[in-house]
Amino acid sequence: MFGRLLILFIVVPLVELWLLLRIGSRLGPGPTIALVIVTGTLGAALSRRQGVQTWHAIQNEMRQGRAPGAMLVDALLIFVAGLLLITPGVLTDVVGFAFLLPPCRAVIRKRLRESMHVQVSGFTPPGAAPGAPPQRDDVIDAEFTRRTDDE
């Protein structure tokens, strides 16, 4: 976990800075700043539009009595895309725009599901033997006998 946070807060900004400096040295400061502003504005507008569409689809599914599981994940990914797109930088913009593409979201959603399944299926409660069936504290083990009117 620490390694991921280190990458997120140190390595990614350094790569972003390096990319912006490289682009700035080729295009100049004005076009580079314009690129950051345009991608941020366009990304915010696209993520808002897709977010509203997904919200309406979620409401539709719920009205029909279905669980909107995949759409909720899509909504989260669109939200993350919006955050990435308003963050100045080229790398975050590329990842953010990828999150806005439905085929990319489907792949990410599938990987998230697989990752969560592995984490949940490998879970062993504290004090339980690995591979043993789960024990529940909220279940009372009891036997019942049918009572007849003769008794």
Protein backbone atom coordinates (compact mmCIF):
# COMPACT_ATOMS: atom_id res chain seq x y z
CA MET A 1 0.00 0.00 0.00
CA PHE A 2 2.82 2.38 0.88
CA GLY A 3 4.45 1.72 -2.49
CA ARG A 4 1.27 2.63 -4.34
CA LEU A 5 0.89 5.85 -2.39
CA LEU A 6 4.53 6.68 -3.06
CA ILE A 7 3.93 6.24 -6.79
CA LEU A 8 0.70 8.23 -6.66
CA PHE A 9 2.05 11.24 -4.80
CA ILE A 10 5.69 11.37 -5.90
CA VAL A 11 6.34 9.52 -9.14
CA VAL A 12 3.20 10.57 -11.05
CA PRO A 13 3.67 14.32 -10.43
CA LEU A 14 7.36 14.05 -11.41
CA VAL A 15 6.43 12.30 -14.67
CA GLU A 16 3.73 14.91 -15.30
CA LEU A 17 6.22 17.73 -14.74
CA TRP A 18 8.77 16.10 -17.02
CA LEU A 19 6.16 15.62 -19.78
CA LEU A 20 4.94 19.22 -19.49
CA LEU A 21 8.51 20.53 -19.66
CA ARG A 22 9.22 18.40 -22.74
CA ILE A 23 6.02 19.55 -24.46
CA GLY A 24 6.73 23.13 -23.42
CA SER A 25 10.23 23.00 -24.89
CA ARG A 26 8.80 21.85 -28.23
CA LEU A 27 5.61 23.92 -28.45
CA GLY A 28 6.44 26.84 -26.19
CA PRO A 29 4.79 27.92 -22.93
CA GLY A 30 1.62 29.45 -24.44
CA PRO A 31 0.47 26.40 -26.40
CA THR A 32 1.40 24.09 -23.52
CA ILE A 33 -0.72 26.08 -21.07
CA ALA A 34 -3.53 26.19 -23.65
CA LEU A 35 -3.29 22.40 -24.03
CA VAL A 36 -3.68 21.93 -20.28
CA ILE A 37 -6.65 24.33 -20.14
CA VAL A 38 -8.40 22.82 -23.17
CA THR A 39 -8.00 19.22 -22.00
CA GLY A 40 -9.19 20.16 -18.51
CA THR A 41 -12.24 22.03 -19.82
CA LEU A 42 -13.12 19.41 -22.43
CA GLY A 43 -12.58 16.59 -19.95
CA ALA A 44 -14.76 18.22 -17.30
CA ALA A 45 -17.56 18.74 -19.83
CA LEU A 46 -17.35 15.17 -21.14
CA SER A 47 -17.23 13.61 -17.69
CA ARG A 48 -20.20 15.73 -16.56
CA ARG A 49 -22.21 14.70 -19.61
CA GLN A 50 -21.41 11.00 -19.19
CA GLY A 51 -21.98 11.25 -15.45
CA VAL A 52 -25.48 12.64 -15.96
CA GLN A 53 -26.27 9.94 -18.55
CA THR A 54 -25.05 7.24 -16.17
CA TRP A 55 -27.06 8.74 -13.30
CA HIS A 56 -30.23 8.58 -15.41
CA ALA A 57 -29.44 4.97 -16.39
CA ILE A 58 -28.95 4.07 -12.71
CA GLN A 59 -32.30 5.63 -11.81
CA ASN A 60 -33.95 3.75 -14.68
CA GLU A 61 -32.53 0.42 -13.52
CA MET A 62 -33.68 1.05 -9.95
CA ARG A 63 -37.18 2.00 -11.11
CA GLN A 64 -37.37 -1.34 -12.90
CA GLY A 65 -36.29 -3.15 -9.73
CA ARG A 66 -32.84 -4.16 -10.98
CA ALA A 67 -29.55 -3.60 -9.18
CA PRO A 68 -27.40 -1.12 -11.14
CA GLY A 69 -24.08 -2.72 -10.13
CA ALA A 70 -22.08 -2.21 -13.33
CA MET A 71 -23.47 1.28 -13.78
CA LEU A 72 -22.41 2.25 -10.26
CA VAL A 73 -18.86 1.20 -11.08
CA ASP A 74 -19.10 3.19 -14.32
CA ALA A 75 -20.26 6.22 -12.35
CA LEU A 76 -17.26 5.89 -10.04
CA LEU A 77 -14.88 5.55 -12.99
CA ILE A 78 -16.41 8.59 -14.68
CA PHE A 79 -15.97 10.55 -11.44
CA VAL A 80 -12.31 9.48 -11.25
CA ALA A 81 -11.92 10.44 -14.92
CA GLY A 82 -13.24 13.91 -14.14
CA LEU A 83 -10.77 14.28 -11.28
CA LEU A 84 -7.90 13.15 -13.48
CA LEU A 85 -8.91 15.47 -16.30
CA ILE A 86 -9.08 18.60 -14.17
CA THR A 87 -5.65 17.78 -12.74
CA PRO A 88 -3.05 19.58 -14.86
CA GLY A 89 -0.91 17.13 -16.75
CA VAL A 90 -0.63 14.98 -19.82
CA LEU A 91 -0.44 11.52 -18.24
CA THR A 92 -3.50 12.08 -16.03
CA ASP A 93 -5.39 13.45 -19.05
CA VAL A 94 -4.63 10.34 -21.10
CA VAL A 95 -5.79 8.06 -18.28
CA GLY A 96 -8.85 10.26 -17.64
CA PHE A 97 -9.91 10.23 -21.28
CA ALA A 98 -9.41 6.45 -21.35
CA PHE A 99 -11.78 6.14 -18.35
CA LEU A 100 -14.42 8.01 -20.37
CA LEU A 101 -14.34 5.42 -23.17
CA PRO A 102 -16.96 2.71 -22.52
CA PRO A 103 -14.77 -0.15 -23.83
CA CYS A 104 -11.94 0.89 -21.48
CA ARG A 105 -14.37 1.15 -18.57
CA ALA A 106 -15.63 -2.37 -19.33
CA VAL A 107 -12.08 -3.75 -19.14
CA ILE A 108 -11.37 -1.85 -15.90
CA ARG A 109 -14.70 -2.97 -14.42
CA LYS A 110 -13.88 -6.61 -15.27
CA ARG A 111 -10.43 -6.34 -13.68
CA LEU A 112 -11.88 -4.70 -10.58
CA ARG A 113 -14.43 -7.49 -10.26
CA GLU A 114 -11.73 -10.15 -10.62
CA SER A 115 -9.50 -8.37 -8.12
CA MET A 116 -12.28 -8.04 -5.58
CA HIS A 117 -13.32 -11.68 -6.08
CA VAL A 118 -9.79 -12.87 -5.35
CA GLN A 119 -9.59 -10.67 -2.26
CA VAL A 120 -12.97 -11.78 -0.93
CA SER A 121 -12.60 -15.47 -1.77
CA GLY A 122 -9.18 -15.56 -0.11
CA PHE A 123 -10.51 -13.99 3.09
CA THR A 124 -10.21 -16.04 6.27
CA PRO A 125 -11.86 -14.62 9.39
CA PRO A 126 -9.59 -14.12 12.40
CA GLY A 127 -9.33 -17.30 14.49
CA ALA A 128 -10.68 -19.56 11.73
CA ALA A 129 -8.65 -22.34 10.19
CA PRO A 130 -7.81 -21.74 6.51
CA GLY A 131 -10.24 -23.64 4.30
CA ALA A 132 -12.76 -24.17 7.13
CA PRO A 133 -16.36 -23.15 6.48
CA PRO A 134 -17.14 -19.70 7.85
CA GLN A 135 -18.63 -19.53 11.32
CA ARG A 136 -21.30 -16.94 12.01
CA ASP A 137 -21.85 -15.49 15.45
CA ASP A 138 -25.35 -14.31 14.59
CA VAL A 139 -26.70 -17.83 13.88
CA ILE A 140 -28.15 -19.96 16.65
CA ASP A 141 -27.77 -23.71 16.17
CA ALA A 142 -30.99 -25.33 17.40
CA GLU A 143 -33.21 -28.34 16.87
CA PHE A 144 -36.96 -28.15 16.57
CA THR A 145 -39.61 -30.79 16.98
CA ARG A 146 -43.13 -30.55 15.71
CA ARG A 147 -45.71 -30.32 18.46
CA THR A 148 -48.98 -32.13 17.92
CA ASP A 149 -52.36 -31.24 19.37
CA ASP A 150 -52.28 -34.41 21.53
CA GLU A 151 -49.50 -33.07 23.71
